[in-house]
Amino acid sequence: MAKTKGSKKKAAKSKKARARELAEGGEPPVHMLDRLYATIESRRGADPSTSYTAKLMARGPHKLAQKLGEEATEAVIEAIKGDKEKLIAESADLLYHLLALWATLRIEPADVWDELARREGVSGLAEKAARDGA
C-alpha cells in the first residue's frame, strides 16, 4: 500500500519530535533493531508450530544463514529493478533474518554496534587493509 502525503508528514513530525526530546536532555530511545532482537530472543525455545522465529531457530544456523542469503538476493534484485517500496520490504526481511541468525549464534547486537563504533571515522580503505593484513 502506497504511503500518502499525510502519512509521510506524520512520520516526519514523529522524527522531529524524537530529535527534540533528545535535544531537551531526554533519554535516547532503544533502537528498533535492539527491540526486534529482544523479541527474537524471547522466542528461543518456543514451540516451532506456533512461532515462525522459533521454527527458524530450531532449524539451526546453517538453514538460517541460507535464508539470510535468499533475503539478501531478493533485496539485491529489488535494488537493481529500482523498486524502492519492495526494497524497503526486502530490507526489513533481511534485517529480521540477520538478527535471528545473530540470536541463534548468541551474538548480541551491542557487539556489532561496538564494532561499527570502532570503525567510525576510519577510512574504509584503511580498515579493509588492516583486516587483510592481519
C-alpha atoms as a PDB file:
ATOM      1  CA  MET A   1       0.000   0.000   0.000  1.00  0.00           C
ATOM      2  CA  ALA A   2       1.422   3.387  -1.017  1.00  0.00           C
ATOM      3  CA  LYS A   3       2.048   5.987   1.654  1.00  0.00           C
ATOM      4  CA  THR A   4       0.045   9.164   1.430  1.00  0.00           C
ATOM      5  CA  LYS A   5       1.412  12.657   1.822  1.00  0.00           C
ATOM      6  CA  GLY A   6      -0.305  12.789   5.216  1.00  0.00           C
ATOM      7  CA  SER A   7       1.437   9.664   6.477  1.00  0.00           C
ATOM      8  CA  LYS A   8       4.813  10.991   5.293  1.00  0.00           C
ATOM      9  CA  LYS A   9       4.198  14.283   7.109  1.00  0.00           C
ATOM     10  CA  LYS A  10       3.186  12.366  10.241  1.00  0.00           C
ATOM     11  CA  ALA A  11       6.387  10.271  10.073  1.00  0.00           C
ATOM     12  CA  ALA A  12       8.480  13.416   9.615  1.00  0.00           C
ATOM     13  CA  LYS A  13       6.785  15.068  12.588  1.00  0.00           C
ATOM     14  CA  SER A  14       7.433  11.963  14.640  1.00  0.00           C
ATOM     15  CA  LYS A  15      11.155  12.063  13.770  1.00  0.00           C
ATOM     16  CA  LYS A  16      11.282  15.755  14.636  1.00  0.00           C
ATOM     17  CA  ALA A  17       9.571  15.092  17.977  1.00  0.00           C
ATOM     18  CA  ARG A  18      12.119  12.371  18.830  1.00  0.00           C
ATOM     19  CA  ALA A  19      15.006  14.665  17.896  1.00  0.00           C
ATOM     20  CA  ARG A  20      13.520  17.432  20.049  1.00  0.00           C
ATOM     21  CA  GLU A  21      13.243  15.058  23.037  1.00  0.00           C
ATOM     22  CA  LEU A  22      16.915  14.153  22.707  1.00  0.00           C
ATOM     23  CA  ALA A  23      17.910  17.808  22.366  1.00  0.00           C
ATOM     24  CA  GLU A  24      15.986  18.566  25.570  1.00  0.00           C
ATOM     25  CA  GLY A  25      18.021  16.018  27.515  1.00  0.00           C
ATOM     26  CA  GLY A  26      15.671  13.066  27.200  1.00  0.00           C
ATOM     27  CA  GLU A  27      16.967   9.515  27.150  1.00  0.00           C
ATOM     28  CA  PRO A  28      17.658   8.148  23.684  1.00  0.00           C
ATOM     29  CA  PRO A  29      15.077   5.581  22.671  1.00  0.00           C
ATOM     30  CA  VAL A  30      16.114   1.949  22.429  1.00  0.00           C
ATOM     31  CA  HIS A  31      16.790   1.262  18.780  1.00  0.00           C
ATOM     32  CA  MET A  32      14.190  -0.666  16.802  1.00  0.00           C
ATOM     33  CA  LEU A  33      16.774  -3.350  15.961  1.00  0.00           C
ATOM     34  CA  ASP A  34      17.525  -3.879  19.658  1.00  0.00           C
ATOM     35  CA  ARG A  35      13.798  -4.274  20.360  1.00  0.00           C
ATOM     36  CA  LEU A  36      13.414  -6.699  17.459  1.00  0.00           C
ATOM     37  CA  TYR A  37      16.398  -8.711  18.707  1.00  0.00           C
ATOM     38  CA  ALA A  38      14.820  -8.915  22.172  1.00  0.00           C
ATOM     39  CA  THR A  39      11.595 -10.198  20.617  1.00  0.00           C
ATOM     40  CA  ILE A  40      13.521 -12.785  18.597  1.00  0.00           C
ATOM     41  CA  GLU A  41      15.427 -13.863  21.729  1.00  0.00           C
ATOM     42  CA  SER A  42      12.140 -14.266  23.586  1.00  0.00           C
ATOM     43  CA  ARG A  43      11.098 -16.877  21.022  1.00  0.00           C
ATOM     44  CA  ARG A  44      14.122 -19.090  21.755  1.00  0.00           C
ATOM     45  CA  GLY A  45      12.782 -22.472  22.807  1.00  0.00           C
ATOM     46  CA  ALA A  46       9.191 -21.598  21.934  1.00  0.00           C
ATOM     47  CA  ASP A  47       7.011 -24.101  20.139  1.00  0.00           C
ATOM     48  CA  PRO A  48       8.041 -24.064  16.449  1.00  0.00           C
ATOM     49  CA  SER A  49       4.456 -24.830  15.471  1.00  0.00           C
ATOM     50  CA  THR A  50       3.318 -21.509  16.955  1.00  0.00           C
ATOM     51  CA  SER A  51       6.277 -19.229  16.196  1.00  0.00           C
ATOM     52  CA  TYR A  52       7.979 -18.625  12.852  1.00  0.00           C
ATOM     53  CA  THR A  53      11.049 -17.359  14.714  1.00  0.00           C
ATOM     54  CA  ALA A  54      11.220 -20.464  16.904  1.00  0.00           C
ATOM     55  CA  LYS A  55      10.857 -22.618  13.785  1.00  0.00           C
ATOM     56  CA  LEU A  56      13.744 -20.792  12.088  1.00  0.00           C
ATOM     57  CA  MET A  57      15.967 -21.028  15.137  1.00  0.00           C
ATOM     58  CA  ALA A  58      15.184 -24.717  15.621  1.00  0.00           C
ATOM     59  CA  ARG A  59      16.439 -25.436  12.098  1.00  0.00           C
ATOM     60  CA  GLY A  60      19.893 -24.234  13.118  1.00  0.00           C
ATOM     61  CA  PRO A  61      22.400 -21.654  11.938  1.00  0.00           C
ATOM     62  CA  HIS A  62      23.089 -23.306   8.573  1.00  0.00           C
ATOM     63  CA  LYS A  63      19.465 -23.047   7.456  1.00  0.00           C
ATOM     64  CA  LEU A  64      19.143 -19.551   8.893  1.00  0.00           C
ATOM     65  CA  ALA A  65      22.287 -18.453   7.042  1.00  0.00           C
ATOM     66  CA  GLN A  66      20.811 -19.897   3.848  1.00  0.00           C
ATOM     67  CA  LYS A  67      17.571 -17.956   4.458  1.00  0.00           C
ATOM     68  CA  LEU A  68      19.599 -14.795   5.078  1.00  0.00           C
ATOM     69  CA  GLY A  69      21.307 -15.288   1.716  1.00  0.00           C
ATOM     70  CA  GLU A  70      17.949 -15.688  -0.007  1.00  0.00           C
ATOM     71  CA  GLU A  71      16.670 -12.476   1.575  1.00  0.00           C
ATOM     72  CA  ALA A  72      19.852 -10.634   0.564  1.00  0.00           C
ATOM     73  CA  THR A  73      19.416 -11.813  -3.016  1.00  0.00           C
ATOM     74  CA  GLU A  74      15.806 -10.616  -3.047  1.00  0.00           C
ATOM     75  CA  ALA A  75      16.931  -7.204  -1.760  1.00  0.00           C
ATOM     76  CA  VAL A  76      19.593  -7.006  -4.472  1.00  0.00           C
ATOM     77  CA  ILE A  77      17.027  -7.841  -7.165  1.00  0.00           C
ATOM     78  CA  GLU A  78      14.682  -5.083  -5.983  1.00  0.00           C
ATOM     79  CA  ALA A  79      17.590  -2.602  -5.810  1.00  0.00           C
ATOM     80  CA  ILE A  80      18.591  -3.407  -9.388  1.00  0.00           C
ATOM     81  CA  LYS A  81      14.987  -3.025 -10.510  1.00  0.00           C
ATOM     82  CA  GLY A  82      14.827   0.310  -8.693  1.00  0.00           C
ATOM     83  CA  ASP A  83      11.663  -0.625  -6.796  1.00  0.00           C
ATOM     84  CA  LYS A  84      12.088   1.356  -3.583  1.00  0.00           C
ATOM     85  CA  GLU A  85       8.950   0.065  -1.856  1.00  0.00           C
ATOM     86  CA  LYS A  86       9.864  -3.568  -2.481  1.00  0.00           C
ATOM     87  CA  LEU A  87      13.475  -2.880  -1.481  1.00  0.00           C
ATOM     88  CA  ILE A  88      12.238  -1.450   1.814  1.00  0.00           C
ATOM     89  CA  ALA A  89      10.185  -4.598   2.451  1.00  0.00           C
ATOM     90  CA  GLU A  90      13.050  -6.899   1.472  1.00  0.00           C
ATOM     91  CA  SER A  91      15.452  -4.884   3.626  1.00  0.00           C
ATOM     92  CA  ALA A  92      13.180  -5.409   6.625  1.00  0.00           C
ATOM     93  CA  ASP A  93      13.145  -9.157   5.896  1.00  0.00           C
ATOM     94  CA  LEU A  94      16.923  -9.139   5.552  1.00  0.00           C
ATOM     95  CA  LEU A  95      17.452  -7.362   8.877  1.00  0.00           C
ATOM     96  CA  TYR A  96      14.995  -9.685  10.649  1.00  0.00           C
ATOM     97  CA  HIS A  97      16.780 -12.804   9.374  1.00  0.00           C
ATOM     98  CA  LEU A  98      20.196 -11.328  10.224  1.00  0.00           C
ATOM     99  CA  LEU A  99      19.056 -10.695  13.800  1.00  0.00           C
ATOM    100  CA  ALA A 100      17.592 -14.196  14.005  1.00  0.00           C
ATOM    101  CA  LEU A 101      20.943 -15.614  12.897  1.00  0.00           C
ATOM    102  CA  TRP A 102      22.765 -13.493  15.482  1.00  0.00           C
ATOM    103  CA  ALA A 103      20.396 -14.743  18.181  1.00  0.00           C
ATOM    104  CA  THR A 104      20.913 -18.339  17.098  1.00  0.00           C
ATOM    105  CA  LEU A 105      24.687 -17.873  17.336  1.00  0.00           C
ATOM    106  CA  ARG A 106      24.316 -15.816  20.549  1.00  0.00           C
ATOM    107  CA  ILE A 107      25.786 -12.671  19.045  1.00  0.00           C
ATOM    108  CA  GLU A 108      24.499  -9.595  20.848  1.00  0.00           C
ATOM    109  CA  PRO A 109      23.639  -6.534  18.735  1.00  0.00           C
ATOM    110  CA  ALA A 110      25.773  -4.433  21.102  1.00  0.00           C
ATOM    111  CA  ASP A 111      28.824  -6.390  19.935  1.00  0.00           C
ATOM    112  CA  VAL A 112      28.094  -5.390  16.337  1.00  0.00           C
ATOM    113  CA  TRP A 113      27.344  -1.794  17.354  1.00  0.00           C
ATOM    114  CA  ASP A 114      30.695  -1.713  19.179  1.00  0.00           C
ATOM    115  CA  GLU A 115      32.477  -2.954  16.064  1.00  0.00           C
ATOM    116  CA  LEU A 116      30.762  -0.290  13.977  1.00  0.00           C
ATOM    117  CA  ALA A 117      31.737   2.349  16.541  1.00  0.00           C
ATOM    118  CA  ARG A 118      35.341   1.125  16.420  1.00  0.00           C
ATOM    119  CA  ARG A 119      35.324   1.633  12.656  1.00  0.00           C
ATOM    120  CA  GLU A 120      33.637   5.033  12.787  1.00  0.00           C
ATOM    121  CA  GLY A 121      35.834   7.737  11.351  1.00  0.00           C
ATOM    122  CA  VAL A 122      38.263   5.204   9.885  1.00  0.00           C
ATOM    123  CA  SER A 123      38.696   5.181   6.142  1.00  0.00           C
ATOM    124  CA  GLY A 124      37.001   2.156   4.632  1.00  0.00           C
ATOM    125  CA  LEU A 125      40.109   1.510   2.580  1.00  0.00           C
ATOM    126  CA  ALA A 126      42.360   1.679   5.664  1.00  0.00           C
ATOM    127  CA  GLU A 127      40.024  -0.563   7.659  1.00  0.00           C
ATOM    128  CA  LYS A 128      39.934  -3.160   4.891  1.00  0.00           C
ATOM    129  CA  ALA A 129      43.725  -3.050   4.501  1.00  0.00           C
ATOM    130  CA  ALA A 130      44.113  -3.615   8.259  1.00  0.00           C
ATOM    131  CA  ARG A 131      41.822  -6.666   8.093  1.00  0.00           C
ATOM    132  CA  ASP A 132      43.574  -8.066   5.009  1.00  0.00           C
ATOM    133  CA  GLY A 133      46.996  -7.590   6.603  1.00  0.00           C
ATOM    134  CA  ALA A 134      46.036  -9.241   9.903  1.00  0.00           C
END
